[in-house]
Amino acid sequence: MRDFLKKLDWIVVSVLVFLPITLIGAAIWYSKKYSIGWREISLSVVTFYVLTVTVGVAIHRLWSHAAFKMNKLLEFVFLLLAS
């Protein structure tokens, strides 16, 4: 276990662990100070999932690996959503 802990890049680990915690704390503080409603929260969740699907399916699987073929119109829609 000690060898494993010595091999870790602690700068990367700290960024991957503490940055999300800090951002969640900042979002909670901001929402209490400026009273963010359900509209903003739902838009954030929808935007996150749309970007996740476009990056995962369109950019990565389709354009990087050419894993499948897609209609050009749908490919253009993914391009617009990813940008």
Protein backbone atom coordinates (compact mmCIF):
# COMPACT_ATOMS: atom_id res chain seq x y z
CA MET A 1 0.00 0.00 0.00
CA ARG A 2 2.86 2.38 0.74
CA ASP A 3 4.31 1.87 -2.74
CA PHE A 4 0.93 2.69 -4.22
CA LEU A 5 0.69 5.91 -2.21
CA LYS A 6 4.23 6.91 -3.15
CA LYS A 7 3.48 6.47 -6.85
CA LEU A 8 0.48 8.78 -6.79
CA ASP A 9 0.83 12.21 -8.30
CA TRP A 10 -0.50 14.20 -5.37
CA ILE A 11 -1.04 17.40 -7.36
CA VAL A 12 -3.39 15.57 -9.71
CA VAL A 13 -5.11 13.75 -6.84
CA SER A 14 -5.66 16.99 -4.96
CA VAL A 15 -7.10 18.69 -8.04
CA LEU A 16 -9.40 15.76 -8.80
CA VAL A 17 -10.61 15.53 -5.20
CA PHE A 18 -10.59 19.06 -3.82
CA LEU A 19 -11.60 21.04 -6.90
CA PRO A 20 -15.06 19.42 -7.21
CA ILE A 21 -15.62 19.77 -3.46
CA THR A 22 -14.63 23.44 -3.63
CA LEU A 23 -16.85 24.07 -6.65
CA ILE A 24 -19.84 22.39 -5.01
CA GLY A 25 -19.28 24.51 -1.91
CA ALA A 26 -19.03 27.65 -4.03
CA ALA A 27 -22.23 26.72 -5.88
CA ILE A 28 -24.09 26.21 -2.59
CA TRP A 29 -22.81 29.54 -1.26
CA TYR A 30 -23.73 31.33 -4.52
CA SER A 31 -27.20 29.81 -4.57
CA LYS A 32 -27.88 30.94 -1.00
CA LYS A 33 -26.57 34.44 -1.65
CA TYR A 34 -28.28 35.05 -5.02
CA SER A 35 -31.26 32.68 -4.61
CA ILE A 36 -30.91 30.30 -7.53
CA GLY A 37 -34.20 28.60 -8.33
CA TRP A 38 -35.26 25.30 -9.82
CA ARG A 39 -35.04 26.71 -13.35
CA GLU A 40 -31.31 27.29 -13.08
CA ILE A 41 -30.71 23.92 -11.45
CA SER A 42 -32.72 22.03 -14.06
CA LEU A 43 -31.02 23.90 -16.91
CA SER A 44 -27.63 23.00 -15.44
CA VAL A 45 -28.54 19.31 -15.20
CA VAL A 46 -29.98 19.20 -18.74
CA THR A 47 -26.94 21.01 -20.13
CA PHE A 48 -24.61 18.59 -18.36
CA TYR A 49 -26.35 15.53 -19.80
CA VAL A 50 -26.58 16.99 -23.32
CA LEU A 51 -22.87 17.78 -23.30
CA THR A 52 -22.03 14.36 -21.86
CA VAL A 53 -23.94 12.57 -24.60
CA THR A 54 -22.53 14.74 -27.39
CA VAL A 55 -18.96 14.35 -26.18
CA GLY A 56 -19.31 10.64 -25.43
CA VAL A 57 -21.20 9.60 -28.54
CA ALA A 58 -20.50 12.14 -31.24
CA ILE A 59 -17.05 13.50 -30.57
CA HIS A 60 -15.40 10.46 -29.08
CA ARG A 61 -17.04 7.38 -30.60
CA LEU A 62 -18.07 8.78 -33.98
CA TRP A 63 -15.28 11.18 -34.90
CA SER A 64 -12.32 9.72 -33.03
CA HIS A 65 -12.88 6.01 -33.58
CA ALA A 66 -15.33 6.01 -36.51
CA ALA A 67 -17.14 3.28 -34.61
CA PHE A 68 -20.40 3.72 -36.50
CA LYS A 69 -22.06 5.74 -39.25
CA MET A 70 -24.60 8.46 -38.61
CA ASN A 71 -26.96 10.53 -40.71
CA LYS A 72 -25.24 13.79 -41.74
CA LEU A 73 -28.10 15.90 -40.35
CA LEU A 74 -27.86 14.18 -36.96
CA GLU A 75 -24.09 14.53 -37.07
CA PHE A 76 -24.53 18.26 -37.69
CA VAL A 77 -26.93 18.50 -34.73
CA PHE A 78 -24.35 16.79 -32.51
CA LEU A 79 -21.74 19.20 -33.82
CA LEU A 80 -23.90 22.17 -32.87
CA LEU A 81 -24.70 20.74 -29.43
CA ALA A 82 -21.05 20.00 -28.71
CA SER A 83 -19.99 23.51 -29.58
